[in-house]
N, C-alpha and C. Protein backbone atom coordinates (compact mmCIF):
# COMPACT_ATOMS: atom_id res chain seq x y z
N MET A 1 -56.79 -11.78 -8.66
CA MET A 1 -56.55 -11.58 -10.09
C MET A 1 -55.99 -10.17 -10.32
N LYS A 2 -56.49 -9.20 -9.60
CA LYS A 2 -56.03 -7.83 -9.84
C LYS A 2 -54.57 -7.65 -9.45
N THR A 3 -54.14 -8.26 -8.36
CA THR A 3 -52.76 -8.09 -7.95
C THR A 3 -51.82 -8.96 -8.79
N ASP A 4 -52.28 -10.12 -9.23
CA ASP A 4 -51.43 -11.00 -10.04
C ASP A 4 -51.25 -10.45 -11.45
N GLY A 5 -52.27 -9.85 -12.01
CA GLY A 5 -52.21 -9.36 -13.38
C GLY A 5 -51.79 -7.92 -13.48
N THR A 6 -51.37 -7.33 -12.39
CA THR A 6 -51.00 -5.90 -12.32
C THR A 6 -52.07 -5.03 -12.97
N LEU A 7 -53.29 -5.23 -12.55
CA LEU A 7 -54.41 -4.48 -13.10
C LEU A 7 -54.62 -3.19 -12.31
N ASP A 8 -55.17 -2.21 -12.96
CA ASP A 8 -55.44 -0.93 -12.34
C ASP A 8 -56.95 -0.79 -12.13
N ARG A 9 -57.38 0.37 -11.77
CA ARG A 9 -58.79 0.65 -11.55
C ARG A 9 -59.55 0.55 -12.87
N ASN A 10 -60.81 0.08 -12.80
CA ASN A 10 -61.66 0.02 -13.98
C ASN A 10 -62.22 1.41 -14.25
N TRP A 11 -61.75 2.04 -15.32
CA TRP A 11 -62.19 3.39 -15.66
C TRP A 11 -63.37 3.38 -16.63
N LEU A 12 -63.82 2.20 -17.06
CA LEU A 12 -64.94 2.12 -18.00
C LEU A 12 -66.24 2.21 -17.22
N ARG A 13 -67.23 2.90 -17.77
CA ARG A 13 -68.46 3.20 -17.04
C ARG A 13 -69.55 2.17 -17.31
N GLY A 14 -70.27 1.81 -16.27
CA GLY A 14 -71.48 0.99 -16.38
C GLY A 14 -71.20 -0.50 -16.47
N THR A 15 -72.31 -1.24 -16.68
CA THR A 15 -72.19 -2.69 -16.76
C THR A 15 -71.48 -3.12 -18.05
N LEU A 16 -71.69 -2.38 -19.13
CA LEU A 16 -70.99 -2.68 -20.38
C LEU A 16 -69.49 -2.46 -20.20
N GLY A 17 -69.13 -1.42 -19.48
CA GLY A 17 -67.72 -1.16 -19.20
C GLY A 17 -67.11 -2.27 -18.36
N ASP A 18 -67.88 -2.77 -17.38
CA ASP A 18 -67.38 -3.89 -16.57
C ASP A 18 -67.15 -5.13 -17.43
N ALA A 19 -68.07 -5.40 -18.33
CA ALA A 19 -67.95 -6.57 -19.20
C ALA A 19 -66.75 -6.41 -20.15
N MET A 20 -66.59 -5.20 -20.72
CA MET A 20 -65.46 -4.97 -21.62
C MET A 20 -64.14 -5.08 -20.86
N TYR A 21 -64.10 -4.59 -19.64
CA TYR A 21 -62.89 -4.65 -18.83
C TYR A 21 -62.50 -6.10 -18.55
N ALA A 22 -63.49 -6.94 -18.26
CA ALA A 22 -63.20 -8.35 -17.99
C ALA A 22 -62.62 -9.03 -19.23
N VAL A 23 -63.20 -8.75 -20.39
CA VAL A 23 -62.71 -9.35 -21.64
C VAL A 23 -61.30 -8.85 -21.95
N LEU A 24 -61.07 -7.54 -21.77
CA LEU A 24 -59.75 -6.99 -22.05
C LEU A 24 -58.70 -7.52 -21.08
N CYS A 25 -59.07 -7.73 -19.83
CA CYS A 25 -58.13 -8.30 -18.86
C CYS A 25 -57.76 -9.73 -19.25
N GLY A 26 -58.74 -10.49 -19.68
CA GLY A 26 -58.47 -11.86 -20.13
C GLY A 26 -57.58 -11.88 -21.35
N ALA A 27 -57.83 -10.97 -22.29
CA ALA A 27 -57.01 -10.91 -23.50
C ALA A 27 -55.57 -10.51 -23.16
N GLY A 28 -55.42 -9.55 -22.25
CA GLY A 28 -54.09 -9.13 -21.84
C GLY A 28 -53.33 -10.25 -21.15
N HIS A 29 -54.04 -11.01 -20.32
CA HIS A 29 -53.42 -12.14 -19.63
C HIS A 29 -52.96 -13.18 -20.64
N ASN A 30 -53.79 -13.49 -21.62
CA ASN A 30 -53.42 -14.47 -22.64
C ASN A 30 -52.22 -13.98 -23.47
N LEU A 31 -52.19 -12.70 -23.79
CA LEU A 31 -51.05 -12.17 -24.55
C LEU A 31 -49.76 -12.25 -23.76
N ARG A 32 -49.83 -11.98 -22.45
CA ARG A 32 -48.63 -12.11 -21.62
C ARG A 32 -48.13 -13.54 -21.60
N MET A 33 -49.04 -14.51 -21.53
CA MET A 33 -48.62 -15.91 -21.54
C MET A 33 -48.00 -16.29 -22.88
N ILE A 34 -48.60 -15.83 -23.99
CA ILE A 34 -48.06 -16.13 -25.32
C ILE A 34 -46.68 -15.51 -25.48
N LEU A 35 -46.49 -14.27 -25.03
CA LEU A 35 -45.19 -13.61 -25.16
C LEU A 35 -44.14 -14.30 -24.30
N ARG A 36 -44.51 -14.79 -23.12
CA ARG A 36 -43.57 -15.51 -22.28
C ARG A 36 -43.08 -16.77 -22.97
N LYS A 37 -44.01 -17.52 -23.58
CA LYS A 37 -43.61 -18.75 -24.28
C LYS A 37 -42.79 -18.43 -25.53
N LEU A 38 -43.12 -17.34 -26.20
CA LEU A 38 -42.39 -16.95 -27.39
C LEU A 38 -40.95 -16.56 -27.04
N ARG A 39 -40.77 -15.86 -25.92
CA ARG A 39 -39.42 -15.51 -25.47
C ARG A 39 -38.61 -16.77 -25.18
N LEU A 40 -39.24 -17.74 -24.53
CA LEU A 40 -38.55 -18.99 -24.23
C LEU A 40 -38.16 -19.72 -25.51
N PHE A 41 -39.09 -19.77 -26.47
CA PHE A 41 -38.82 -20.42 -27.75
C PHE A 41 -37.66 -19.74 -28.47
N CYS A 42 -37.66 -18.41 -28.50
CA CYS A 42 -36.58 -17.67 -29.18
C CYS A 42 -35.24 -17.92 -28.50
N ALA A 43 -35.22 -17.96 -27.18
CA ALA A 43 -33.98 -18.22 -26.46
C ALA A 43 -33.45 -19.62 -26.78
N LEU A 44 -34.33 -20.61 -26.77
CA LEU A 44 -33.91 -21.98 -27.09
C LEU A 44 -33.46 -22.09 -28.53
N PHE A 45 -34.12 -21.38 -29.43
CA PHE A 45 -33.74 -21.39 -30.84
C PHE A 45 -32.35 -20.79 -31.03
N LEU A 46 -32.08 -19.67 -30.36
CA LEU A 46 -30.77 -19.05 -30.49
C LEU A 46 -29.67 -19.94 -29.92
N VAL A 47 -29.93 -20.58 -28.80
CA VAL A 47 -28.95 -21.49 -28.22
C VAL A 47 -28.68 -22.64 -29.18
N ALA A 48 -29.72 -23.20 -29.79
CA ALA A 48 -29.54 -24.30 -30.74
C ALA A 48 -28.75 -23.83 -31.97
N MET A 49 -29.01 -22.61 -32.43
CA MET A 49 -28.28 -22.09 -33.59
C MET A 49 -26.80 -21.90 -33.27
N PHE A 50 -26.50 -21.36 -32.09
CA PHE A 50 -25.10 -21.15 -31.73
C PHE A 50 -24.37 -22.47 -31.54
N LEU A 51 -25.05 -23.46 -30.99
CA LEU A 51 -24.42 -24.76 -30.83
C LEU A 51 -24.15 -25.40 -32.19
N THR A 52 -25.08 -25.23 -33.12
CA THR A 52 -24.91 -25.80 -34.46
C THR A 52 -23.78 -25.10 -35.19
N VAL A 53 -23.67 -23.79 -35.07
CA VAL A 53 -22.61 -23.04 -35.74
C VAL A 53 -21.25 -23.42 -35.17
N ASP A 54 -21.17 -23.66 -33.88
CA ASP A 54 -19.89 -24.04 -33.26
C ASP A 54 -19.41 -25.42 -33.73
N GLN A 55 -20.30 -26.28 -34.16
CA GLN A 55 -19.93 -27.63 -34.56
C GLN A 55 -19.47 -27.71 -36.02
N ILE A 56 -19.73 -26.68 -36.80
CA ILE A 56 -19.33 -26.68 -38.21
C ILE A 56 -17.83 -26.43 -38.29
N PRO A 57 -17.07 -27.29 -39.00
CA PRO A 57 -15.62 -27.06 -39.10
C PRO A 57 -15.33 -25.81 -39.92
N PRO A 58 -14.27 -25.08 -39.56
CA PRO A 58 -13.92 -23.86 -40.32
C PRO A 58 -13.43 -24.19 -41.72
N VAL A 59 -13.71 -23.34 -42.65
CA VAL A 59 -13.28 -23.52 -44.04
C VAL A 59 -11.91 -22.84 -44.19
N VAL A 60 -10.96 -23.59 -44.70
CA VAL A 60 -9.58 -23.05 -44.85
C VAL A 60 -9.33 -22.66 -46.27
């Protein structure tokens, strides 16, 4: 998990710090997944918009 998530050393102290670090790592992982899907959605949306604009006949 540490090498896949590009995690660094746990600088938080004690058992509470370990627990907070685990929660923050999970939240960061979830945010990375959400941003990846959002980038894909935006790319597909832009492609669909450009294709739609190309199909509209020019106004003379």
